[in-house]
Amino acid sequence: MNIEEINREFTANKNLYEHLKTEALFILEPALEQTEIKLHLVSSRIKTLDSFLDKVQRKNLKKPFEELDSLLGNYGSRMIAAFLTALLALSPCQASNRISDAQKKDFIQLLKTLPVEGEFYSDAAIDKAGRYLPVLFALTEKDIEKYDIYPFLALSRGLCDRKVHRDYAVRHFAEIRHPMLKFGWGAMLFNAGASSPEIVQFLRSALESEQESKILSEILGPKYNDFRRRVNAYPYAKRRRAASITIHSTRPSPASLSSSSSLGYLACGVLALGGLIRALAALYY
């Protein structure tokens, strides 16, 4: 496709993209208002022709409208919030199984460049890596089988020291794919007092397994016995065990089935936009 053809198609479809942009915001803004997420701004724009042509040339695209749609299908509207936690709360729209291999590889390469202080990563490194937490959680054993696990655990230590990342980790603990990272985050969150029934139950099950308890003992060192005592004594664990018995012996009530949070509905609503967001993406970014 030459520049003249791109110009014609861009001009012919720009009004359609403007309409789709308006429709996307019309759907997103009311959905966000129904949640507890406080957003300062939700905005959008359509690229200029010069900007669009520049991207086509930089990426050497032969069929730009098709290829950019594929490359940028995960992008949507740009949002600004007062607090990072508000944006992290939107992450159900980007669950771990939606993290691409390219994102994982980029993160692994980034990890090699982050500044360290002694055995740990510096504050500047943690500042830079914080937004990659969903990618870190999505890593599998296969993704990093050729690498030492220590840098990933060391980065996790620095991230867990910050409340915003602890809060995210508690909400998305189930998304941690790598066993060693899950053990590490589970132990760190529990020790930081940022636990949940899910995390306590995970730790209790691990402590009851000879193989998994050995891994925890290697992570915790001399603090292992005290850690084990505190996990087993934690009240969440007792309540979770009783609840699990109830779940297996009764059918769920209609009330329990309808108790999904508004954020859950938001995630479904945003994902349902699918082709609409993909259509916007080629001209938006």
C-alpha atoms as a PDB file:
ATOM      1  CA  MET A   1       0.000   0.000   0.000  1.00  0.00           C
ATOM      2  CA  ASN A   2       1.575   3.319  -1.054  1.00  0.00           C
ATOM      3  CA  ILE A   3       1.242   6.689   0.645  1.00  0.00           C
ATOM      4  CA  GLU A   4      -1.545   7.862  -1.667  1.00  0.00           C
ATOM      5  CA  GLU A   5      -3.627   4.769  -0.878  1.00  0.00           C
ATOM      6  CA  ILE A   6      -3.017   5.201   2.855  1.00  0.00           C
ATOM      7  CA  ASN A   7      -4.047   8.851   2.598  1.00  0.00           C
ATOM      8  CA  ARG A   8      -7.289   7.949   0.829  1.00  0.00           C
ATOM      9  CA  GLU A   9      -8.232   5.198   3.288  1.00  0.00           C
ATOM     10  CA  PHE A  10      -7.286   7.321   6.289  1.00  0.00           C
ATOM     11  CA  THR A  11      -9.386  10.245   5.055  1.00  0.00           C
ATOM     12  CA  ALA A  12     -12.313   8.008   4.119  1.00  0.00           C
ATOM     13  CA  ASN A  13     -12.427   6.335   7.522  1.00  0.00           C
ATOM     14  CA  LYS A  14     -11.518   9.168   9.875  1.00  0.00           C
ATOM     15  CA  ASN A  15     -15.143  10.131  10.551  1.00  0.00           C
ATOM     16  CA  LEU A  16     -15.918   6.500  11.375  1.00  0.00           C
ATOM     17  CA  TYR A  17     -13.036   6.388  13.851  1.00  0.00           C
ATOM     18  CA  GLU A  18     -14.226   9.643  15.440  1.00  0.00           C
ATOM     19  CA  HIS A  19     -17.668   8.090  15.869  1.00  0.00           C
ATOM     20  CA  LEU A  20     -16.203   4.889  17.355  1.00  0.00           C
ATOM     21  CA  LYS A  21     -14.075   6.932  19.744  1.00  0.00           C
ATOM     22  CA  THR A  22     -17.169   8.742  21.007  1.00  0.00           C
ATOM     23  CA  GLU A  23     -19.060   5.464  21.393  1.00  0.00           C
ATOM     24  CA  ALA A  24     -16.201   3.888  23.367  1.00  0.00           C
ATOM     25  CA  LEU A  25     -16.082   6.782  25.833  1.00  0.00           C
ATOM     26  CA  PHE A  26     -19.880   6.767  26.101  1.00  0.00           C
ATOM     27  CA  ILE A  27     -19.671   3.139  27.282  1.00  0.00           C
ATOM     28  CA  LEU A  28     -16.574   3.469  29.480  1.00  0.00           C
ATOM     29  CA  GLU A  29     -17.365   6.599  31.457  1.00  0.00           C
ATOM     30  CA  PRO A  30     -20.716   5.459  32.975  1.00  0.00           C
ATOM     31  CA  ALA A  31     -19.205   2.054  33.766  1.00  0.00           C
ATOM     32  CA  LEU A  32     -16.326   3.689  35.624  1.00  0.00           C
ATOM     33  CA  GLU A  33     -18.694   5.973  37.526  1.00  0.00           C
ATOM     34  CA  GLN A  34     -20.443   2.905  38.972  1.00  0.00           C
ATOM     35  CA  THR A  35     -17.220   1.720  40.626  1.00  0.00           C
ATOM     36  CA  GLU A  36     -15.206   3.119  43.523  1.00  0.00           C
ATOM     37  CA  ILE A  37     -12.396   4.058  41.130  1.00  0.00           C
ATOM     38  CA  LYS A  38     -11.861   7.815  41.182  1.00  0.00           C
ATOM     39  CA  LEU A  39     -10.558   8.882  37.782  1.00  0.00           C
ATOM     40  CA  HIS A  40      -9.435  12.423  37.090  1.00  0.00           C
ATOM     41  CA  LEU A  41      -9.711  12.173  33.318  1.00  0.00           C
ATOM     42  CA  VAL A  42     -10.661   9.742  30.563  1.00  0.00           C
ATOM     43  CA  SER A  43      -9.563  11.089  27.197  1.00  0.00           C
ATOM     44  CA  SER A  44      -9.047   9.971  23.633  1.00  0.00           C
ATOM     45  CA  ARG A  45      -7.735  11.284  20.342  1.00  0.00           C
ATOM     46  CA  ILE A  46      -7.348  10.354  16.694  1.00  0.00           C
ATOM     47  CA  LYS A  47      -3.862  10.480  15.205  1.00  0.00           C
ATOM     48  CA  THR A  48      -3.088  13.030  12.517  1.00  0.00           C
ATOM     49  CA  LEU A  49      -2.249  11.720   9.063  1.00  0.00           C
ATOM     50  CA  ASP A  50       1.424  12.734   9.436  1.00  0.00           C
ATOM     51  CA  SER A  51       1.707  10.908  12.750  1.00  0.00           C
ATOM     52  CA  PHE A  52       0.001   7.847  11.315  1.00  0.00           C
ATOM     53  CA  LEU A  53       2.305   7.790   8.267  1.00  0.00           C
ATOM     54  CA  ASP A  54       5.341   8.149  10.510  1.00  0.00           C
ATOM     55  CA  LYS A  55       4.319   5.047  12.468  1.00  0.00           C
ATOM     56  CA  VAL A  56       3.643   3.101   9.266  1.00  0.00           C
ATOM     57  CA  GLN A  57       7.111   3.942   7.952  1.00  0.00           C
ATOM     58  CA  ARG A  58       8.900   3.271  11.260  1.00  0.00           C
ATOM     59  CA  LYS A  59       7.330  -0.179  11.527  1.00  0.00           C
ATOM     60  CA  ASN A  60       7.643  -0.868   7.789  1.00  0.00           C
ATOM     61  CA  LEU A  61       4.031  -2.016   7.582  1.00  0.00           C
ATOM     62  CA  LYS A  62       2.706  -3.336   4.281  1.00  0.00           C
ATOM     63  CA  LYS A  63      -0.968  -3.371   5.303  1.00  0.00           C
ATOM     64  CA  PRO A  64      -1.009  -0.680   8.023  1.00  0.00           C
ATOM     65  CA  PHE A  65      -4.702  -0.680   8.890  1.00  0.00           C
ATOM     66  CA  GLU A  66      -4.707  -4.447   9.409  1.00  0.00           C
ATOM     67  CA  GLU A  67      -1.276  -4.768  11.048  1.00  0.00           C
ATOM     68  CA  LEU A  68      -1.673  -1.877  13.465  1.00  0.00           C
ATOM     69  CA  ASP A  69      -5.061  -3.234  14.472  1.00  0.00           C
ATOM     70  CA  SER A  70      -3.347  -6.521  15.381  1.00  0.00           C
ATOM     71  CA  LEU A  71      -0.332  -4.955  17.089  1.00  0.00           C
ATOM     72  CA  LEU A  72      -2.336  -2.526  19.193  1.00  0.00           C
ATOM     73  CA  GLY A  73      -5.441  -4.583  19.890  1.00  0.00           C
ATOM     74  CA  ASN A  74      -4.864  -4.421  23.657  1.00  0.00           C
ATOM     75  CA  TYR A  75      -4.860  -0.621  23.789  1.00  0.00           C
ATOM     76  CA  GLY A  76      -7.835   1.540  24.606  1.00  0.00           C
ATOM     77  CA  SER A  77      -8.593   4.928  26.099  1.00  0.00           C
ATOM     78  CA  ARG A  78      -6.076   6.909  28.081  1.00  0.00           C
ATOM     79  CA  MET A  79      -6.928   7.446  31.749  1.00  0.00           C
ATOM     80  CA  ILE A  80      -5.543   9.709  34.469  1.00  0.00           C
ATOM     81  CA  ALA A  81      -6.273   9.080  38.150  1.00  0.00           C
ATOM     82  CA  ALA A  82      -5.269  10.781  41.382  1.00  0.00           C
ATOM     83  CA  PHE A  83      -3.777   7.578  42.812  1.00  0.00           C
ATOM     84  CA  LEU A  84      -1.889   4.658  41.287  1.00  0.00           C
ATOM     85  CA  THR A  85      -4.164   2.236  43.146  1.00  0.00           C
ATOM     86  CA  ALA A  86      -7.112   3.382  41.033  1.00  0.00           C
ATOM     87  CA  LEU A  87      -5.339   2.408  37.823  1.00  0.00           C
ATOM     88  CA  LEU A  88      -4.045  -0.862  39.261  1.00  0.00           C
ATOM     89  CA  ALA A  89      -7.622  -1.706  40.194  1.00  0.00           C
ATOM     90  CA  LEU A  90      -8.448  -1.786  36.484  1.00  0.00           C
ATOM     91  CA  SER A  91      -6.005  -4.652  35.915  1.00  0.00           C
ATOM     92  CA  PRO A  92      -8.711  -7.382  35.722  1.00  0.00           C
ATOM     93  CA  CYS A  93      -9.040  -6.144  32.136  1.00  0.00           C
ATOM     94  CA  GLN A  94      -5.464  -7.360  31.657  1.00  0.00           C
ATOM     95  CA  ALA A  95      -5.436 -10.731  33.371  1.00  0.00           C
ATOM     96  CA  SER A  96      -2.240 -12.766  33.408  1.00  0.00           C
ATOM     97  CA  ASN A  97      -3.374 -14.888  30.479  1.00  0.00           C
ATOM     98  CA  ARG A  98      -3.555 -11.723  28.364  1.00  0.00           C
ATOM     99  CA  ILE A  99       0.101 -10.819  28.985  1.00  0.00           C
ATOM    100  CA  SER A 100       1.964 -11.461  25.739  1.00  0.00           C
ATOM    101  CA  ASP A 101       5.286 -13.246  25.306  1.00  0.00           C
ATOM    102  CA  ALA A 102       6.714  -9.983  23.981  1.00  0.00           C
ATOM    103  CA  GLN A 103       5.753  -8.179  27.200  1.00  0.00           C
ATOM    104  CA  LYS A 104       7.425 -10.899  29.246  1.00  0.00           C
ATOM    105  CA  LYS A 105      10.627 -10.715  27.195  1.00  0.00           C
ATOM    106  CA  ASP A 106      10.703  -6.920  27.478  1.00  0.00           C
ATOM    107  CA  PHE A 107      10.310  -7.165  31.241  1.00  0.00           C
ATOM    108  CA  ILE A 108      13.112  -9.738  31.560  1.00  0.00           C
ATOM    109  CA  GLN A 109      15.415  -7.480  29.544  1.00  0.00           C
ATOM    110  CA  LEU A 110      14.414  -4.497  31.692  1.00  0.00           C
ATOM    111  CA  LEU A 111      15.280  -6.456  34.824  1.00  0.00           C
ATOM    112  CA  LYS A 112      18.876  -6.769  33.623  1.00  0.00           C
ATOM    113  CA  THR A 113      19.227  -2.985  33.402  1.00  0.00           C
ATOM    114  CA  LEU A 114      17.697  -1.959  36.746  1.00  0.00           C
ATOM    115  CA  PRO A 115      20.115  -0.336  39.229  1.00  0.00           C
ATOM    116  CA  VAL A 116      20.997  -2.243  42.408  1.00  0.00           C
ATOM    117  CA  GLU A 117      22.249  -1.340  45.871  1.00  0.00           C
ATOM    118  CA  GLY A 118      24.142  -4.272  47.335  1.00  0.00           C
ATOM    119  CA  GLU A 119      22.012  -7.393  46.985  1.00  0.00           C
ATOM    120  CA  PHE A 120      18.767  -5.526  46.357  1.00  0.00           C
ATOM    121  CA  TYR A 121      17.290  -3.209  43.766  1.00  0.00           C
ATOM    122  CA  SER A 122      17.419   0.538  44.350  1.00  0.00           C
ATOM    123  CA  ASP A 123      14.412   2.765  44.947  1.00  0.00           C
ATOM    124  CA  ALA A 124      14.769   4.049  41.389  1.00  0.00           C
ATOM    125  CA  ALA A 125      14.566   0.471  40.121  1.00  0.00           C
ATOM    126  CA  ILE A 126      11.400  -0.174  42.121  1.00  0.00           C
ATOM    127  CA  ASP A 127       9.870   3.047  40.798  1.00  0.00           C
ATOM    128  CA  LYS A 128      10.519   1.913  37.245  1.00  0.00           C
ATOM    129  CA  ALA A 129       9.460  -1.720  37.693  1.00  0.00           C
ATOM    130  CA  GLY A 130       6.242  -1.143  39.632  1.00  0.00           C
ATOM    131  CA  ARG A 131       3.996  -0.907  36.584  1.00  0.00           C
ATOM    132  CA  TYR A 132       5.279  -4.303  35.407  1.00  0.00           C
ATOM    133  CA  LEU A 133       3.838  -6.160  38.396  1.00  0.00           C
ATOM    134  CA  PRO A 134       1.107  -7.880  36.305  1.00  0.00           C
ATOM    135  CA  VAL A 135       3.838  -9.107  33.943  1.00  0.00           C
ATOM    136  CA  LEU A 136       5.937 -10.407  36.847  1.00  0.00           C
ATOM    137  CA  PHE A 137       2.934 -12.336  38.157  1.00  0.00           C
ATOM    138  CA  ALA A 138       2.254 -13.792  34.698  1.00  0.00           C
ATOM    139  CA  LEU A 139       5.737 -15.329  34.341  1.00  0.00           C
ATOM    140  CA  THR A 140       5.778 -19.125  34.289  1.00  0.00           C
ATOM    141  CA  GLU A 141       8.571 -21.581  35.059  1.00  0.00           C
ATOM    142  CA  LYS A 142       9.118 -22.027  31.335  1.00  0.00           C
ATOM    143  CA  ASP A 143       9.387 -18.263  30.768  1.00  0.00           C
ATOM    144  CA  ILE A 144      12.392 -17.933  33.073  1.00  0.00           C
ATOM    145  CA  GLU A 145      13.843 -21.445  33.152  1.00  0.00           C
ATOM    146  CA  LYS A 146      17.129 -20.133  31.705  1.00  0.00           C
ATOM    147  CA  TYR A 147      17.496 -17.443  34.369  1.00  0.00           C
ATOM    148  CA  ASP A 148      18.406 -17.350  38.038  1.00  0.00           C
ATOM    149  CA  ILE A 149      15.278 -16.888  40.132  1.00  0.00           C
ATOM    150  CA  TYR A 150      17.050 -14.598  42.626  1.00  0.00           C
ATOM    151  CA  PRO A 151      16.681 -11.285  40.682  1.00  0.00           C
ATOM    152  CA  PHE A 152      12.932 -11.883  40.362  1.00  0.00           C
ATOM    153  CA  LEU A 153      12.653 -12.568  44.092  1.00  0.00           C
ATOM    154  CA  ALA A 154      14.849  -9.576  44.936  1.00  0.00           C
ATOM    155  CA  LEU A 155      12.674  -7.302  42.828  1.00  0.00           C
ATOM    156  CA  SER A 156       9.590  -8.794  44.485  1.00  0.00           C
ATOM    157  CA  ARG A 157      11.087  -7.921  47.876  1.00  0.00           C
ATOM    158  CA  GLY A 158      11.460  -4.272  46.876  1.00  0.00           C
ATOM    159  CA  LEU A 159       7.992  -4.104  45.357  1.00  0.00           C
ATOM    160  CA  CYS A 160       6.396  -5.706  48.407  1.00  0.00           C
ATOM    161  CA  ASP A 161       7.891  -3.010  50.633  1.00  0.00           C
ATOM    162  CA  ARG A 162       5.454  -0.533  49.099  1.00  0.00           C
ATOM    163  CA  LYS A 163       1.829  -0.566  50.163  1.00  0.00           C
ATOM    164  CA  VAL A 164       0.385   0.074  46.712  1.00  0.00           C
ATOM    165  CA  HIS A 165       2.067  -3.077  45.387  1.00  0.00           C
ATOM    166  CA  ARG A 166       1.112  -5.133  48.452  1.00  0.00           C
ATOM    167  CA  ASP A 167      -2.515  -4.147  47.953  1.00  0.00           C
ATOM    168  CA  TYR A 168      -2.346  -5.179  44.307  1.00  0.00           C
ATOM    169  CA  ALA A 169      -0.650  -8.484  45.173  1.00  0.00           C
ATOM    170  CA  VAL A 170      -3.315  -9.404  47.730  1.00  0.00           C
ATOM    171  CA  ARG A 171      -6.080  -8.800  45.184  1.00  0.00           C
ATOM    172  CA  HIS A 172      -4.282 -10.703  42.422  1.00  0.00           C
ATOM    173  CA  PHE A 173      -2.470 -13.410  44.370  1.00  0.00           C
ATOM    174  CA  ALA A 174      -4.193 -16.119  42.314  1.00  0.00           C
ATOM    175  CA  GLU A 175      -2.553 -14.739  39.164  1.00  0.00           C
ATOM    176  CA  ILE A 176       1.019 -15.483  40.315  1.00  0.00           C
ATOM    177  CA  ARG A 177       2.068 -18.297  37.998  1.00  0.00           C
ATOM    178  CA  HIS A 178       5.627 -19.196  39.038  1.00  0.00           C
ATOM    179  CA  PRO A 179       5.682 -21.425  42.172  1.00  0.00           C
ATOM    180  CA  MET A 180       8.792 -19.819  43.704  1.00  0.00           C
ATOM    181  CA  LEU A 181       7.414 -16.331  43.197  1.00  0.00           C
ATOM    182  CA  LYS A 182       4.108 -17.405  44.719  1.00  0.00           C
ATOM    183  CA  PHE A 183       5.845 -18.833  47.788  1.00  0.00           C
ATOM    184  CA  GLY A 184       7.932 -15.685  48.105  1.00  0.00           C
ATOM    185  CA  TRP A 185       5.024 -13.280  47.744  1.00  0.00           C
ATOM    186  CA  GLY A 186       2.836 -15.351  50.049  1.00  0.00           C
ATOM    187  CA  ALA A 187       5.451 -15.269  52.803  1.00  0.00           C
ATOM    188  CA  MET A 188       6.245 -11.575  52.336  1.00  0.00           C
ATOM    189  CA  LEU A 189       2.605 -10.515  52.318  1.00  0.00           C
ATOM    190  CA  PHE A 190       1.844 -12.549  55.419  1.00  0.00           C
ATOM    191  CA  ASN A 191       4.840 -11.117  57.276  1.00  0.00           C
ATOM    192  CA  ALA A 192       3.803  -7.608  56.234  1.00  0.00           C
ATOM    193  CA  GLY A 193       0.319  -8.086  57.680  1.00  0.00           C
ATOM    194  CA  ALA A 194      -1.204  -7.822  54.193  1.00  0.00           C
ATOM    195  CA  SER A 195      -2.837 -11.211  54.071  1.00  0.00           C
ATOM    196  CA  SER A 196      -6.133 -12.752  53.010  1.00  0.00           C
ATOM    197  CA  PRO A 197      -7.939 -16.071  53.555  1.00  0.00           C
ATOM    198  CA  GLU A 198      -6.668 -17.208  50.159  1.00  0.00           C
ATOM    199  CA  ILE A 199      -3.035 -16.484  51.041  1.00  0.00           C
ATOM    200  CA  VAL A 200      -3.253 -18.063  54.486  1.00  0.00           C
ATOM    201  CA  GLN A 201      -4.854 -21.191  53.081  1.00  0.00           C
ATOM    202  CA  PHE A 202      -2.155 -21.383  50.397  1.00  0.00           C
ATOM    203  CA  LEU A 203       0.568 -21.138  53.040  1.00  0.00           C
ATOM    204  CA  ARG A 204      -1.101 -23.694  55.302  1.00  0.00           C
ATOM    205  CA  SER A 205      -1.334 -26.170  52.440  1.00  0.00           C
ATOM    206  CA  ALA A 206       2.318 -25.569  51.585  1.00  0.00           C
ATOM    207  CA  LEU A 207       3.389 -26.114  55.184  1.00  0.00           C
ATOM    208  CA  GLU A 208       1.560 -29.446  55.217  1.00  0.00           C
ATOM    209  CA  SER A 209       3.524 -30.607  52.159  1.00  0.00           C
ATOM    210  CA  GLU A 210       7.013 -31.963  52.793  1.00  0.00           C
ATOM    211  CA  GLN A 211       8.368 -30.677  49.489  1.00  0.00           C
ATOM    212  CA  GLU A 212       6.723 -27.256  49.603  1.00  0.00           C
ATOM    213  CA  SER A 213       7.511 -26.669  53.278  1.00  0.00           C
ATOM    214  CA  LYS A 214      11.161 -27.317  52.428  1.00  0.00           C
ATOM    215  CA  ILE A 215      11.016 -24.547  49.820  1.00  0.00           C
ATOM    216  CA  LEU A 216       9.494 -22.174  52.361  1.00  0.00           C
ATOM    217  CA  SER A 217      12.176 -23.060  54.905  1.00  0.00           C
ATOM    218  CA  GLU A 218      14.858 -22.202  52.335  1.00  0.00           C
ATOM    219  CA  ILE A 219      13.192 -18.858  51.638  1.00  0.00           C
ATOM    220  CA  LEU A 220      12.642 -17.959  55.308  1.00  0.00           C
ATOM    221  CA  GLY A 221      15.810 -19.417  56.828  1.00  0.00           C
ATOM    222  CA  PRO A 222      15.970 -19.291  60.655  1.00  0.00           C
ATOM    223  CA  LYS A 223      12.579 -17.554  60.822  1.00  0.00           C
ATOM    224  CA  TYR A 224      10.804 -20.590  59.354  1.00  0.00           C
ATOM    225  CA  ASN A 225       9.604 -22.182  62.636  1.00  0.00           C
ATOM    226  CA  ASP A 226       8.155 -18.921  63.937  1.00  0.00           C
ATOM    227  CA  PHE A 227       6.533 -18.292  60.552  1.00  0.00           C
ATOM    228  CA  ARG A 228       4.948 -21.752  60.577  1.00  0.00           C
ATOM    229  CA  ARG A 229       3.567 -21.202  64.078  1.00  0.00           C
ATOM    230  CA  ARG A 230       2.032 -17.841  63.152  1.00  0.00           C
ATOM    231  CA  VAL A 231       0.428 -19.147  59.941  1.00  0.00           C
ATOM    232  CA  ASN A 232      -1.148 -22.130  61.717  1.00  0.00           C
ATOM    233  CA  ALA A 233      -2.449 -19.877  64.492  1.00  0.00           C
ATOM    234  CA  TYR A 234      -3.856 -17.239  62.174  1.00  0.00           C
ATOM    235  CA  PRO A 235      -7.676 -16.923  62.524  1.00  0.00           C
ATOM    236  CA  TYR A 236      -8.216 -16.558  58.782  1.00  0.00           C
ATOM    237  CA  ALA A 237      -6.987 -20.093  58.291  1.00  0.00           C
ATOM    238  CA  LYS A 238      -9.600 -21.546  60.642  1.00  0.00           C
ATOM    239  CA  ARG A 239     -12.420 -19.588  59.026  1.00  0.00           C
ATOM    240  CA  ARG A 240     -11.306 -20.579  55.544  1.00  0.00           C
ATOM    241  CA  ARG A 241     -11.258 -24.275  56.407  1.00  0.00           C
ATOM    242  CA  ALA A 242     -14.786 -24.091  57.823  1.00  0.00           C
ATOM    243  CA  ALA A 243     -15.976 -22.165  54.774  1.00  0.00           C
ATOM    244  CA  SER A 244     -14.533 -24.711  52.379  1.00  0.00           C
ATOM    245  CA  ILE A 245     -16.549 -27.473  54.055  1.00  0.00           C
ATOM    246  CA  THR A 246     -19.736 -25.421  53.685  1.00  0.00           C
ATOM    247  CA  ILE A 247     -19.095 -24.759  50.015  1.00  0.00           C
ATOM    248  CA  HIS A 248     -18.734 -28.445  49.229  1.00  0.00           C
ATOM    249  CA  SER A 249     -21.874 -29.417  51.126  1.00  0.00           C
ATOM    250  CA  THR A 250     -24.357 -26.801  49.855  1.00  0.00           C
ATOM    251  CA  ARG A 251     -25.502 -25.288  46.583  1.00  0.00           C
ATOM    252  CA  PRO A 252     -24.695 -21.586  46.028  1.00  0.00           C
ATOM    253  CA  SER A 253     -27.583 -19.239  46.673  1.00  0.00           C
ATOM    254  CA  PRO A 254     -28.834 -16.772  44.058  1.00  0.00           C
ATOM    255  CA  ALA A 255     -27.573 -13.977  46.293  1.00  0.00           C
ATOM    256  CA  SER A 256     -24.038 -15.349  46.274  1.00  0.00           C
ATOM    257  CA  LEU A 257     -24.131 -15.689  42.494  1.00  0.00           C
ATOM    258  CA  SER A 258     -25.155 -12.066  42.059  1.00  0.00           C
ATOM    259  CA  SER A 259     -22.606 -10.593  44.446  1.00  0.00           C
ATOM    260  CA  SER A 260     -19.937  -9.852  41.829  1.00  0.00           C
ATOM    261  CA  SER A 261     -18.346  -6.471  42.365  1.00  0.00           C
ATOM    262  CA  SER A 262     -19.019  -3.579  40.043  1.00  0.00           C
ATOM    263  CA  LEU A 263     -15.369  -3.801  39.042  1.00  0.00           C
ATOM    264  CA  GLY A 264     -15.982  -7.308  37.786  1.00  0.00           C
ATOM    265  CA  TYR A 265     -18.818  -6.044  35.633  1.00  0.00           C
ATOM    266  CA  LEU A 266     -16.573  -3.238  34.428  1.00  0.00           C
ATOM    267  CA  ALA A 267     -13.896  -5.732  33.382  1.00  0.00           C
ATOM    268  CA  CYS A 268     -16.455  -7.718  31.397  1.00  0.00           C
ATOM    269  CA  GLY A 269     -17.845  -4.556  29.866  1.00  0.00           C
ATOM    270  CA  VAL A 270     -14.458  -3.289  28.766  1.00  0.00           C
ATOM    271  CA  LEU A 271     -13.481  -6.657  27.317  1.00  0.00           C
ATOM    272  CA  ALA A 272     -16.814  -6.812  25.499  1.00  0.00           C
ATOM    273  CA  LEU A 273     -15.808  -3.713  23.568  1.00  0.00           C
ATOM    274  CA  GLY A 274     -13.290  -5.955  21.760  1.00  0.00           C
ATOM    275  CA  GLY A 275     -13.387  -4.949  18.136  1.00  0.00           C
ATOM    276  CA  LEU A 276     -14.434  -1.404  18.992  1.00  0.00           C
ATOM    277  CA  ILE A 277     -11.292  -0.756  21.015  1.00  0.00           C
ATOM    278  CA  ARG A 278      -9.157  -2.513  18.396  1.00  0.00           C
ATOM    279  CA  ALA A 279     -10.671  -0.317  15.716  1.00  0.00           C
ATOM    280  CA  LEU A 280      -9.708   2.778  17.692  1.00  0.00           C
ATOM    281  CA  ALA A 281      -6.216   1.551  18.479  1.00  0.00           C
ATOM    282  CA  ALA A 282      -4.682   1.889  15.029  1.00  0.00           C
ATOM    283  CA  LEU A 283      -5.342   5.620  14.912  1.00  0.00           C
ATOM    284  CA  TYR A 284      -5.140   6.331  18.631  1.00  0.00           C
ATOM    285  CA  TYR A 285      -1.570   5.238  19.437  1.00  0.00           C
END
